[in-house]
Amino acid sequence: MAIEEAAYTVVKQENRFEIRDYASHILAETVVDGDLEEAGKSAFNRLFRYISGDNRSRAKVAMTAPVSQEPMGEKIKMTAPVGQQRVQEKWAVSFMMPASYTLETIPEPDDPKVTLRQVPARRMAAVRYSGVWNEKGYLRHKAELESWIERMGLGIAGKPIWARYNPPFMPWFLRRNEILIPVDAGTGHEEAQQSHGEATP
């Protein structure tokens, strides 16, 4: 079954890496505690209930892709000596809403833990990979993308987003996963690289 995906335009492509311009869209979002993998599972169920009719209109909302997850609190590396500090580990997990909705027409969630917000148009650096959904793969590909962004002369403008495009029953080797990082639209060698990218098949 074909499902709607977030709309974007590719500005530059180099192997598995891309610079994309995303259109403005609405997210249904919830914040959960836990590690990367467990947070994704518990949040998915809450968001899926919302699009399945757990809302004021009792309306079903079409499933879209990707399911996105981003950190709400950064982990801090261990140092010595040890005093005592709290490491916040929260994740904002979101479903993109179909483009046909506005904030005025989208069904309002019954669950107060599900919120709706409009994301403005933005430029994102992306890396695509297949494989299982785990923190090891997330961290490895995030580091690769950050290095590529630096090499491109771009500035990071927000937190990394982990995007998943497939249902859990999809074999791991067929899954489409991405790391997306917001970047400044007007920094780096963008224009020269864009024209180079257009000339490259």
N, C-alpha and C. Protein backbone atom coordinates (compact mmCIF):
# COMPACT_ATOMS: atom_id res chain seq x y z
N MET A 1 0.84 -1.18 0.00
CA MET A 1 0.00 0.00 0.00
C MET A 1 0.88 1.24 0.00
N ALA A 2 0.67 2.13 -0.98
CA ALA A 2 1.46 3.35 -1.07
C ALA A 2 1.01 4.32 0.01
N ILE A 3 1.96 4.95 0.69
CA ILE A 3 1.62 5.95 1.70
C ILE A 3 2.35 7.25 1.36
N GLU A 4 1.74 8.34 1.79
CA GLU A 4 2.30 9.66 1.52
C GLU A 4 3.61 9.85 2.28
N GLU A 5 4.58 10.49 1.65
CA GLU A 5 5.85 10.79 2.29
C GLU A 5 6.05 12.30 2.37
N ALA A 6 6.93 12.71 3.29
CA ALA A 6 7.26 14.12 3.41
C ALA A 6 7.80 14.65 2.09
N ALA A 7 7.30 15.81 1.66
CA ALA A 7 7.71 16.37 0.37
C ALA A 7 9.02 17.15 0.52
N TYR A 8 9.95 16.88 -0.40
CA TYR A 8 11.21 17.64 -0.38
C TYR A 8 11.79 17.70 -1.79
N THR A 9 12.71 18.65 -1.98
CA THR A 9 13.45 18.81 -3.23
C THR A 9 14.92 18.57 -2.93
N VAL A 10 15.59 17.75 -3.74
CA VAL A 10 17.01 17.48 -3.54
C VAL A 10 17.83 18.63 -4.13
N VAL A 11 18.63 19.27 -3.28
CA VAL A 11 19.49 20.38 -3.70
C VAL A 11 20.85 19.84 -4.18
N LYS A 12 21.36 18.85 -3.46
CA LYS A 12 22.65 18.24 -3.81
C LYS A 12 22.66 16.79 -3.37
N GLN A 13 23.32 15.93 -4.13
CA GLN A 13 23.44 14.52 -3.79
C GLN A 13 24.87 14.07 -3.99
N GLU A 14 25.37 13.30 -3.03
CA GLU A 14 26.71 12.73 -3.12
C GLU A 14 26.68 11.37 -2.45
N ASN A 15 26.67 10.32 -3.27
CA ASN A 15 26.56 8.95 -2.75
C ASN A 15 25.29 8.81 -1.90
N ARG A 16 25.43 8.44 -0.63
CA ARG A 16 24.25 8.24 0.23
C ARG A 16 23.79 9.54 0.91
N PHE A 17 24.51 10.64 0.66
CA PHE A 17 24.22 11.89 1.34
C PHE A 17 23.45 12.85 0.42
N GLU A 18 22.54 13.62 1.03
CA GLU A 18 21.77 14.61 0.27
C GLU A 18 21.56 15.87 1.10
N ILE A 19 21.43 16.99 0.39
CA ILE A 19 20.89 18.21 0.97
C ILE A 19 19.48 18.36 0.39
N ARG A 20 18.49 18.52 1.26
CA ARG A 20 17.09 18.59 0.83
C ARG A 20 16.41 19.83 1.37
N ASP A 21 15.51 20.37 0.58
CA ASP A 21 14.62 21.43 1.05
C ASP A 21 13.24 20.82 1.29
N TYR A 22 12.78 20.84 2.53
CA TYR A 22 11.49 20.28 2.92
C TYR A 22 10.43 21.37 2.96
N ALA A 23 9.23 21.03 2.49
CA ALA A 23 8.09 21.94 2.59
C ALA A 23 7.57 21.95 4.04
N SER A 24 6.85 22.99 4.39
CA SER A 24 6.22 23.05 5.71
C SER A 24 5.21 21.91 5.85
N HIS A 25 5.11 21.34 7.05
CA HIS A 25 4.16 20.25 7.28
C HIS A 25 3.77 20.19 8.76
N ILE A 26 2.73 19.40 9.05
CA ILE A 26 2.23 19.25 10.42
C ILE A 26 2.71 17.91 10.98
N LEU A 27 3.13 17.94 12.24
CA LEU A 27 3.51 16.72 12.95
C LEU A 27 2.54 16.45 14.10
N ALA A 28 2.19 15.17 14.29
CA ALA A 28 1.59 14.71 15.54
C ALA A 28 2.74 14.13 16.33
N GLU A 29 2.94 14.63 17.55
CA GLU A 29 4.18 14.34 18.28
C GLU A 29 3.89 13.96 19.72
N THR A 30 4.74 13.11 20.27
CA THR A 30 4.66 12.77 21.69
C THR A 30 6.06 12.62 22.24
N VAL A 31 6.24 12.98 23.50
CA VAL A 31 7.56 12.90 24.15
C VAL A 31 7.55 11.73 25.13
N VAL A 32 8.57 10.87 25.04
CA VAL A 32 8.65 9.68 25.89
C VAL A 32 10.05 9.56 26.48
N ASP A 33 10.12 8.87 27.63
CA ASP A 33 11.40 8.58 28.27
C ASP A 33 11.93 7.25 27.74
N GLY A 34 13.22 7.01 27.99
CA GLY A 34 13.80 5.71 27.69
C GLY A 34 14.90 5.78 26.66
N ASP A 35 15.48 4.61 26.37
CA ASP A 35 16.52 4.59 25.35
C ASP A 35 15.89 4.70 23.97
N LEU A 36 16.74 4.85 22.96
CA LEU A 36 16.29 5.13 21.60
C LEU A 36 15.29 4.10 21.09
N GLU A 37 15.60 2.82 21.31
CA GLU A 37 14.76 1.77 20.73
C GLU A 37 13.42 1.63 21.47
N GLU A 38 13.45 1.62 22.80
CA GLU A 38 12.21 1.45 23.58
C GLU A 38 11.31 2.67 23.44
N ALA A 39 11.92 3.86 23.39
CA ALA A 39 11.12 5.08 23.24
C ALA A 39 10.33 5.04 21.95
N GLY A 40 10.96 4.59 20.87
CA GLY A 40 10.28 4.53 19.58
C GLY A 40 9.08 3.61 19.61
N LYS A 41 9.21 2.47 20.29
CA LYS A 41 8.12 1.50 20.34
C LYS A 41 6.92 2.03 21.12
N SER A 42 7.17 2.59 22.30
CA SER A 42 6.05 3.04 23.13
C SER A 42 5.36 4.25 22.49
N ALA A 43 6.14 5.15 21.88
CA ALA A 43 5.55 6.33 21.26
C ALA A 43 4.74 5.95 20.02
N PHE A 44 5.21 4.97 19.26
CA PHE A 44 4.50 4.56 18.05
C PHE A 44 3.08 4.14 18.38
N ASN A 45 2.92 3.35 19.43
CA ASN A 45 1.59 2.87 19.81
C ASN A 45 0.65 4.03 20.16
N ARG A 46 1.17 5.03 20.87
CA ARG A 46 0.37 6.19 21.28
C ARG A 46 -0.06 7.00 20.05
N LEU A 47 0.87 7.22 19.13
CA LEU A 47 0.56 7.99 17.93
C LEU A 47 -0.37 7.23 16.99
N PHE A 48 -0.17 5.90 16.93
CA PHE A 48 -1.01 5.09 16.05
C PHE A 48 -2.46 5.10 16.53
N ARG A 49 -2.65 5.12 17.86
CA ARG A 49 -4.02 5.21 18.40
C ARG A 49 -4.67 6.52 17.95
N TYR A 50 -3.89 7.60 17.94
CA TYR A 50 -4.43 8.90 17.52
C TYR A 50 -4.91 8.85 16.07
N ILE A 51 -4.09 8.35 15.15
CA ILE A 51 -4.51 8.35 13.74
C ILE A 51 -5.58 7.29 13.47
N SER A 52 -5.75 6.34 14.41
CA SER A 52 -6.77 5.30 14.23
C SER A 52 -8.14 5.72 14.75
N GLY A 53 -8.25 6.95 15.26
CA GLY A 53 -9.56 7.43 15.70
C GLY A 53 -9.61 7.90 17.13
N ASP A 54 -8.47 7.87 17.87
CA ASP A 54 -8.44 8.35 19.25
C ASP A 54 -8.29 9.87 19.23
N ASN A 55 -9.34 10.55 18.69
CA ASN A 55 -9.31 12.00 18.57
C ASN A 55 -10.74 12.53 18.68
N ARG A 56 -10.88 13.84 18.81
CA ARG A 56 -12.19 14.44 19.08
C ARG A 56 -13.19 14.16 17.96
N SER A 57 -12.70 14.06 16.73
CA SER A 57 -13.60 13.84 15.58
C SER A 57 -13.89 12.37 15.33
N ARG A 58 -13.18 11.49 16.06
CA ARG A 58 -13.25 10.03 15.82
C ARG A 58 -12.92 9.71 14.35
N ALA A 59 -12.07 10.54 13.77
CA ALA A 59 -11.71 10.38 12.36
C ALA A 59 -10.40 9.62 12.24
N LYS A 60 -10.30 8.77 11.23
CA LYS A 60 -9.04 8.09 10.95
C LYS A 60 -8.19 9.00 10.06
N VAL A 61 -6.90 9.04 10.36
CA VAL A 61 -5.95 9.84 9.59
C VAL A 61 -5.01 8.88 8.89
N ALA A 62 -4.77 9.10 7.60
CA ALA A 62 -3.92 8.18 6.82
C ALA A 62 -2.51 8.12 7.39
N MET A 63 -1.93 6.93 7.37
CA MET A 63 -0.54 6.73 7.79
C MET A 63 0.38 7.35 6.76
N THR A 64 1.43 8.02 7.25
CA THR A 64 2.41 8.64 6.37
C THR A 64 3.81 8.18 6.76
N ALA A 65 4.80 8.59 5.99
CA ALA A 65 6.19 8.25 6.30
C ALA A 65 7.04 9.51 6.11
N PRO A 66 8.12 9.65 6.89
CA PRO A 66 8.62 8.67 7.85
C PRO A 66 8.05 8.87 9.25
N VAL A 67 8.31 7.90 10.15
CA VAL A 67 8.14 8.08 11.58
C VAL A 67 9.47 8.66 12.07
N SER A 68 9.42 9.83 12.70
CA SER A 68 10.64 10.54 13.07
C SER A 68 10.83 10.55 14.58
N GLN A 69 12.10 10.59 14.99
CA GLN A 69 12.44 10.57 16.41
C GLN A 69 13.66 11.45 16.61
N GLU A 70 13.58 12.38 17.58
CA GLU A 70 14.72 13.23 17.85
C GLU A 70 14.91 13.40 19.36
N PRO A 71 16.16 13.61 19.79
CA PRO A 71 16.43 13.72 21.23
C PRO A 71 15.92 15.03 21.79
N MET A 72 15.36 14.98 23.00
CA MET A 72 14.93 16.18 23.70
C MET A 72 15.98 16.62 24.71
N GLY A 73 16.87 15.72 25.12
CA GLY A 73 17.95 16.04 26.05
C GLY A 73 19.20 15.35 25.58
N GLU A 74 20.31 16.07 25.57
CA GLU A 74 21.56 15.48 25.09
C GLU A 74 22.22 14.67 26.19
N LYS A 75 22.80 13.53 25.81
CA LYS A 75 23.61 12.77 26.75
C LYS A 75 24.92 13.52 26.98
N ILE A 76 25.43 13.46 28.19
CA ILE A 76 26.69 14.11 28.52
C ILE A 76 27.72 13.03 28.81
N LYS A 77 28.90 13.16 28.20
CA LYS A 77 29.93 12.13 28.38
C LYS A 77 30.39 12.08 29.83
N MET A 78 30.77 10.86 30.26
CA MET A 78 31.25 10.62 31.62
C MET A 78 32.61 11.27 31.82
N THR A 79 32.79 11.94 32.92
CA THR A 79 34.09 12.51 33.26
C THR A 79 34.40 12.18 34.71
N ALA A 80 35.62 12.46 35.15
CA ALA A 80 36.01 12.26 36.54
C ALA A 80 36.39 13.63 37.12
N PRO A 81 36.18 13.91 38.40
CA PRO A 81 35.58 13.00 39.38
C PRO A 81 34.07 12.94 39.23
N VAL A 82 33.48 11.97 39.89
CA VAL A 82 32.04 11.81 39.85
C VAL A 82 31.43 12.59 41.01
N GLY A 83 30.65 13.59 40.68
CA GLY A 83 29.81 14.22 41.69
C GLY A 83 28.50 13.49 41.57
N GLN A 84 27.49 14.17 41.11
CA GLN A 84 26.23 13.51 40.78
C GLN A 84 25.50 14.39 39.79
N GLN A 85 25.08 13.80 38.71
CA GLN A 85 24.34 14.58 37.73
C GLN A 85 23.26 13.73 37.10
N ARG A 86 22.24 14.38 36.67
CA ARG A 86 21.12 13.70 36.04
C ARG A 86 21.28 13.82 34.53
N VAL A 87 21.22 12.69 33.84
CA VAL A 87 21.27 12.70 32.38
C VAL A 87 19.84 12.56 31.88
N GLN A 88 19.37 13.60 31.24
CA GLN A 88 18.00 13.58 30.72
C GLN A 88 17.97 12.76 29.43
N GLU A 89 17.05 11.80 29.34
CA GLU A 89 16.94 11.00 28.14
C GLU A 89 15.47 10.93 27.72
N LYS A 90 15.09 11.91 26.93
CA LYS A 90 13.73 11.98 26.40
C LYS A 90 13.80 12.05 24.89
N TRP A 91 12.78 11.50 24.25
CA TRP A 91 12.72 11.50 22.79
C TRP A 91 11.38 12.04 22.34
N ALA A 92 11.40 12.93 21.34
CA ALA A 92 10.19 13.39 20.69
C ALA A 92 9.98 12.54 19.45
N VAL A 93 8.90 11.77 19.42
CA VAL A 93 8.60 10.88 18.29
C VAL A 93 7.39 11.44 17.56
N SER A 94 7.43 11.46 16.24
CA SER A 94 6.35 12.12 15.50
C SER A 94 5.95 11.36 14.25
N PHE A 95 4.69 11.54 13.89
CA PHE A 95 4.14 11.12 12.60
C PHE A 95 3.90 12.39 11.80
N MET A 96 4.30 12.40 10.54
CA MET A 96 3.95 13.50 9.65
C MET A 96 2.49 13.33 9.25
N MET A 97 1.74 14.43 9.28
CA MET A 97 0.34 14.39 8.91
C MET A 97 0.18 14.62 7.39
N PRO A 98 -0.86 14.03 6.77
CA PRO A 98 -1.07 14.25 5.34
C PRO A 98 -1.14 15.73 4.99
N ALA A 99 -0.62 16.08 3.81
CA ALA A 99 -0.52 17.49 3.39
C ALA A 99 -1.89 18.16 3.22
N SER A 100 -2.94 17.36 3.11
CA SER A 100 -4.28 17.94 2.91
C SER A 100 -4.81 18.64 4.17
N TYR A 101 -4.19 18.39 5.34
CA TYR A 101 -4.65 18.99 6.59
C TYR A 101 -3.97 20.32 6.88
N THR A 102 -4.69 21.19 7.61
CA THR A 102 -4.10 22.37 8.23
C THR A 102 -4.28 22.20 9.74
N LEU A 103 -3.68 23.10 10.53
CA LEU A 103 -3.88 23.02 11.98
C LEU A 103 -5.33 23.25 12.37
N GLU A 104 -6.09 23.90 11.49
CA GLU A 104 -7.51 24.16 11.77
C GLU A 104 -8.37 22.95 11.44
N THR A 105 -7.95 22.11 10.49
CA THR A 105 -8.79 20.99 10.04
C THR A 105 -8.35 19.63 10.57
N ILE A 106 -7.14 19.52 11.10
CA ILE A 106 -6.64 18.22 11.58
C ILE A 106 -7.42 17.82 12.85
N PRO A 107 -7.84 16.56 13.00
CA PRO A 107 -8.55 16.15 14.22
C PRO A 107 -7.70 16.38 15.47
N GLU A 108 -8.33 16.87 16.52
CA GLU A 108 -7.63 17.16 17.76
C GLU A 108 -7.47 15.89 18.59
N PRO A 109 -6.24 15.60 19.10
CA PRO A 109 -6.02 14.37 19.87
C PRO A 109 -6.83 14.34 21.16
N ASP A 110 -7.32 13.16 21.53
CA ASP A 110 -7.93 12.96 22.85
C ASP A 110 -6.85 12.88 23.93
N ASP A 111 -5.73 12.23 23.58
CA ASP A 111 -4.64 12.03 24.53
C ASP A 111 -3.84 13.32 24.68
N PRO A 112 -3.77 13.89 25.90
CA PRO A 112 -3.02 15.15 26.08
C PRO A 112 -1.52 14.99 25.83
N LYS A 113 -1.05 13.75 25.78
CA LYS A 113 0.39 13.52 25.51
C LYS A 113 0.72 13.58 24.03
N VAL A 114 -0.32 13.67 23.19
CA VAL A 114 -0.11 13.83 21.74
C VAL A 114 -0.39 15.28 21.39
N THR A 115 0.58 15.96 20.80
CA THR A 115 0.41 17.36 20.41
C THR A 115 0.60 17.51 18.91
N LEU A 116 0.04 18.58 18.36
CA LEU A 116 0.15 18.89 16.94
C LEU A 116 0.96 20.16 16.78
N ARG A 117 1.88 20.19 15.81
CA ARG A 117 2.62 21.42 15.56
C ARG A 117 2.99 21.54 14.09
N GLN A 118 3.07 22.77 13.65
CA GLN A 118 3.44 23.08 12.27
C GLN A 118 4.96 23.25 12.22
N VAL A 119 5.61 22.51 11.32
CA VAL A 119 7.06 22.63 11.13
C VAL A 119 7.28 23.52 9.91
N PRO A 120 8.06 24.60 10.04
CA PRO A 120 8.28 25.47 8.88
C PRO A 120 9.14 24.78 7.81
N ALA A 121 9.11 25.32 6.61
CA ALA A 121 10.00 24.82 5.56
C ALA A 121 11.44 24.94 6.05
N ARG A 122 12.26 23.93 5.74
CA ARG A 122 13.65 23.97 6.22
C ARG A 122 14.55 23.13 5.32
N ARG A 123 15.85 23.40 5.44
CA ARG A 123 16.86 22.65 4.69
C ARG A 123 17.47 21.60 5.61
N MET A 124 17.58 20.36 5.09
CA MET A 124 18.09 19.25 5.90
C MET A 124 19.19 18.52 5.14
N ALA A 125 20.22 18.11 5.87
CA ALA A 125 21.19 17.15 5.34
C ALA A 125 20.71 15.76 5.73
N ALA A 126 20.85 14.79 4.83
CA ALA A 126 20.31 13.45 5.06
C ALA A 126 21.30 12.37 4.64
N VAL A 127 21.28 11.27 5.38
CA VAL A 127 21.99 10.07 4.96
C VAL A 127 21.01 8.91 5.05
N ARG A 128 21.01 8.06 4.02
CA ARG A 128 20.09 6.94 3.95
C ARG A 128 20.85 5.64 4.17
N TYR A 129 20.23 4.70 4.92
CA TYR A 129 20.87 3.41 5.15
C TYR A 129 19.80 2.36 5.42
N SER A 130 20.16 1.10 5.25
CA SER A 130 19.26 0.00 5.58
C SER A 130 19.78 -0.67 6.85
N GLY A 131 18.97 -1.55 7.42
CA GLY A 131 19.43 -2.28 8.61
C GLY A 131 18.44 -2.21 9.75
N VAL A 132 18.83 -2.86 10.84
CA VAL A 132 17.95 -2.94 12.02
C VAL A 132 17.85 -1.58 12.69
N TRP A 133 16.79 -1.40 13.49
CA TRP A 133 16.57 -0.15 14.20
C TRP A 133 17.26 -0.24 15.56
N ASN A 134 18.47 0.28 15.66
CA ASN A 134 19.15 0.28 16.95
C ASN A 134 20.03 1.52 17.09
N GLU A 135 20.46 1.75 18.33
CA GLU A 135 21.23 2.96 18.63
C GLU A 135 22.61 2.92 17.99
N LYS A 136 23.20 1.74 17.86
CA LYS A 136 24.52 1.62 17.26
C LYS A 136 24.51 2.15 15.82
N GLY A 137 23.52 1.72 15.02
CA GLY A 137 23.41 2.19 13.64
C GLY A 137 23.10 3.67 13.58
N TYR A 138 22.22 4.12 14.47
CA TYR A 138 21.86 5.54 14.52
C TYR A 138 23.10 6.41 14.77
N LEU A 139 23.90 6.04 15.78
CA LEU A 139 25.06 6.85 16.14
C LEU A 139 26.14 6.81 15.05
N ARG A 140 26.32 5.66 14.43
CA ARG A 140 27.35 5.54 13.38
C ARG A 140 27.00 6.42 12.18
N HIS A 141 25.75 6.34 11.73
CA HIS A 141 25.36 7.11 10.56
C HIS A 141 25.22 8.60 10.88
N LYS A 142 24.86 8.92 12.11
CA LYS A 142 24.80 10.33 12.52
C LYS A 142 26.20 10.94 12.47
N ALA A 143 27.20 10.20 12.95
CA ALA A 143 28.59 10.70 12.92
C ALA A 143 29.07 10.89 11.47
N GLU A 144 28.71 9.95 10.59
CA GLU A 144 29.09 10.07 9.18
C GLU A 144 28.46 11.31 8.55
N LEU A 145 27.18 11.56 8.87
CA LEU A 145 26.49 12.71 8.31
C LEU A 145 27.07 14.01 8.85
N GLU A 146 27.39 14.05 10.13
CA GLU A 146 27.99 15.25 10.71
C GLU A 146 29.33 15.58 10.05
N SER A 147 30.12 14.54 9.78
CA SER A 147 31.41 14.75 9.10
C SER A 147 31.20 15.29 7.70
N TRP A 148 30.20 14.75 6.98
CA TRP A 148 29.92 15.21 5.62
C TRP A 148 29.44 16.66 5.62
N ILE A 149 28.59 17.02 6.59
CA ILE A 149 28.11 18.40 6.71
C ILE A 149 29.29 19.35 6.91
N GLU A 150 30.23 18.96 7.77
CA GLU A 150 31.41 19.79 8.02
C GLU A 150 32.25 19.92 6.76
N ARG A 151 32.40 18.82 6.03
CA ARG A 151 33.19 18.85 4.80
C ARG A 151 32.55 19.74 3.75
N MET A 152 31.22 19.80 3.75
CA MET A 152 30.50 20.65 2.81
C MET A 152 30.54 22.13 3.20
N GLY A 153 31.05 22.42 4.38
CA GLY A 153 31.10 23.80 4.84
C GLY A 153 29.78 24.35 5.32
N LEU A 154 28.86 23.45 5.74
CA LEU A 154 27.54 23.85 6.20
C LEU A 154 27.50 23.94 7.72
N GLY A 155 26.58 24.73 8.24
CA GLY A 155 26.41 24.85 9.68
C GLY A 155 25.20 24.05 10.14
N ILE A 156 25.34 23.32 11.25
CA ILE A 156 24.22 22.56 11.83
C ILE A 156 23.27 23.52 12.54
N ALA A 157 21.97 23.40 12.23
CA ALA A 157 20.99 24.36 12.73
C ALA A 157 19.94 23.72 13.64
N GLY A 158 20.15 22.47 14.08
CA GLY A 158 19.16 21.82 14.93
C GLY A 158 19.60 20.42 15.30
N LYS A 159 18.75 19.73 16.05
CA LYS A 159 19.08 18.39 16.53
C LYS A 159 18.86 17.33 15.44
N PRO A 160 19.61 16.21 15.52
CA PRO A 160 19.43 15.15 14.53
C PRO A 160 18.07 14.47 14.69
N ILE A 161 17.53 14.02 13.56
CA ILE A 161 16.24 13.32 13.53
C ILE A 161 16.47 11.94 12.92
N TRP A 162 15.94 10.91 13.58
CA TRP A 162 16.03 9.53 13.08
C TRP A 162 14.71 9.23 12.40
N ALA A 163 14.75 8.92 11.10
CA ALA A 163 13.53 8.71 10.33
C ALA A 163 13.44 7.26 9.85
N ARG A 164 12.27 6.65 10.07
CA ARG A 164 12.03 5.26 9.64
C ARG A 164 10.83 5.23 8.70
N TYR A 165 10.98 4.52 7.60
CA TYR A 165 9.98 4.54 6.54
C TYR A 165 9.18 3.24 6.43
N ASN A 166 9.53 2.21 7.18
CA ASN A 166 8.90 0.90 6.98
C ASN A 166 8.25 0.38 8.25
N PRO A 167 7.27 -0.53 8.10
CA PRO A 167 6.66 -1.16 9.27
C PRO A 167 7.63 -2.15 9.91
N PRO A 168 7.40 -2.50 11.19
CA PRO A 168 8.32 -3.39 11.89
C PRO A 168 8.49 -4.76 11.24
N PHE A 169 7.49 -5.25 10.50
CA PHE A 169 7.61 -6.59 9.91
C PHE A 169 8.45 -6.61 8.63
N MET A 170 8.89 -5.44 8.15
CA MET A 170 9.76 -5.39 6.97
C MET A 170 11.13 -6.00 7.32
N PRO A 171 11.65 -6.95 6.50
CA PRO A 171 12.98 -7.50 6.78
C PRO A 171 14.02 -6.39 6.92
N TRP A 172 14.95 -6.56 7.85
CA TRP A 172 15.88 -5.49 8.19
C TRP A 172 16.68 -5.00 6.98
N PHE A 173 17.02 -5.92 6.06
CA PHE A 173 17.87 -5.55 4.93
C PHE A 173 17.11 -4.77 3.85
N LEU A 174 15.77 -4.69 3.98
CA LEU A 174 14.96 -3.92 3.04
C LEU A 174 14.49 -2.59 3.64
N ARG A 175 14.80 -2.37 4.90
CA ARG A 175 14.29 -1.17 5.56
C ARG A 175 15.01 0.09 5.07
N ARG A 176 14.25 1.16 4.96
CA ARG A 176 14.81 2.47 4.64
C ARG A 176 14.84 3.30 5.91
N ASN A 177 16.05 3.60 6.35
CA ASN A 177 16.25 4.44 7.51
C ASN A 177 17.03 5.69 7.08
N GLU A 178 16.83 6.79 7.77
CA GLU A 178 17.59 7.99 7.47
C GLU A 178 17.91 8.75 8.75
N ILE A 179 19.04 9.45 8.73
CA ILE A 179 19.32 10.47 9.73
C ILE A 179 19.20 11.81 9.00
N LEU A 180 18.46 12.74 9.60
CA LEU A 180 18.26 14.07 9.04
C LEU A 180 18.77 15.10 10.04
N ILE A 181 19.56 16.07 9.57
CA ILE A 181 20.06 17.14 10.44
C ILE A 181 19.77 18.48 9.78
N PRO A 182 19.05 19.38 10.48
CA PRO A 182 18.80 20.71 9.91
C PRO A 182 20.12 21.45 9.70
N VAL A 183 20.24 22.13 8.56
CA VAL A 183 21.45 22.92 8.27
C VAL A 183 21.04 24.32 7.85
N ASP A 184 21.97 25.26 8.00
CA ASP A 184 21.73 26.63 7.58
C ASP A 184 21.59 26.70 6.07
N ALA A 185 20.58 27.42 5.61
CA ALA A 185 20.31 27.47 4.17
C ALA A 185 21.34 28.29 3.42
N GLY A 186 21.97 29.25 4.09
CA GLY A 186 22.85 30.15 3.34
C GLY A 186 24.32 30.06 3.69
N THR A 187 24.78 28.91 4.17
CA THR A 187 26.19 28.80 4.57
C THR A 187 26.94 27.85 3.67
N GLY A 188 28.24 27.86 3.81
CA GLY A 188 29.10 26.89 3.11
C GLY A 188 29.25 27.18 1.63
N HIS A 189 29.66 26.16 0.89
CA HIS A 189 29.94 26.27 -0.54
C HIS A 189 28.71 25.84 -1.33
N GLU A 190 27.55 26.17 -0.83
CA GLU A 190 26.29 25.61 -1.33
C GLU A 190 26.09 25.83 -2.83
N GLU A 191 26.26 27.08 -3.29
CA GLU A 191 25.93 27.37 -4.68
C GLU A 191 26.83 26.61 -5.65
N ALA A 192 28.14 26.60 -5.35
CA ALA A 192 29.06 25.88 -6.22
C ALA A 192 28.76 24.40 -6.20
N GLN A 193 28.42 23.89 -5.02
CA GLN A 193 28.17 22.46 -4.91
C GLN A 193 26.85 22.10 -5.57
N GLN A 194 25.88 23.03 -5.51
CA GLN A 194 24.59 22.74 -6.12
C GLN A 194 24.74 22.62 -7.63
N SER A 195 25.49 23.54 -8.23
CA SER A 195 25.65 23.47 -9.68
C SER A 195 26.46 22.25 -10.07
N HIS A 196 27.42 21.88 -9.22
CA HIS A 196 28.19 20.67 -9.48
C HIS A 196 27.28 19.45 -9.40
N GLY A 197 26.37 19.45 -8.38
CA GLY A 197 25.45 18.33 -8.22
C GLY A 197 24.51 18.19 -9.39
N GLU A 198 24.10 19.31 -9.97
CA GLU A 198 23.19 19.24 -11.10
C GLU A 198 23.86 18.66 -12.34
N ALA A 199 25.18 18.88 -12.42
CA ALA A 199 25.90 18.40 -13.59
C ALA A 199 26.28 16.94 -13.46
N THR A 200 26.16 16.42 -12.23
CA THR A 200 26.54 15.02 -11.99
C THR A 200 25.34 14.14 -12.09
N PRO A 201 25.38 13.05 -12.84
CA PRO A 201 24.20 12.17 -12.95
C PRO A 201 23.92 11.48 -11.65
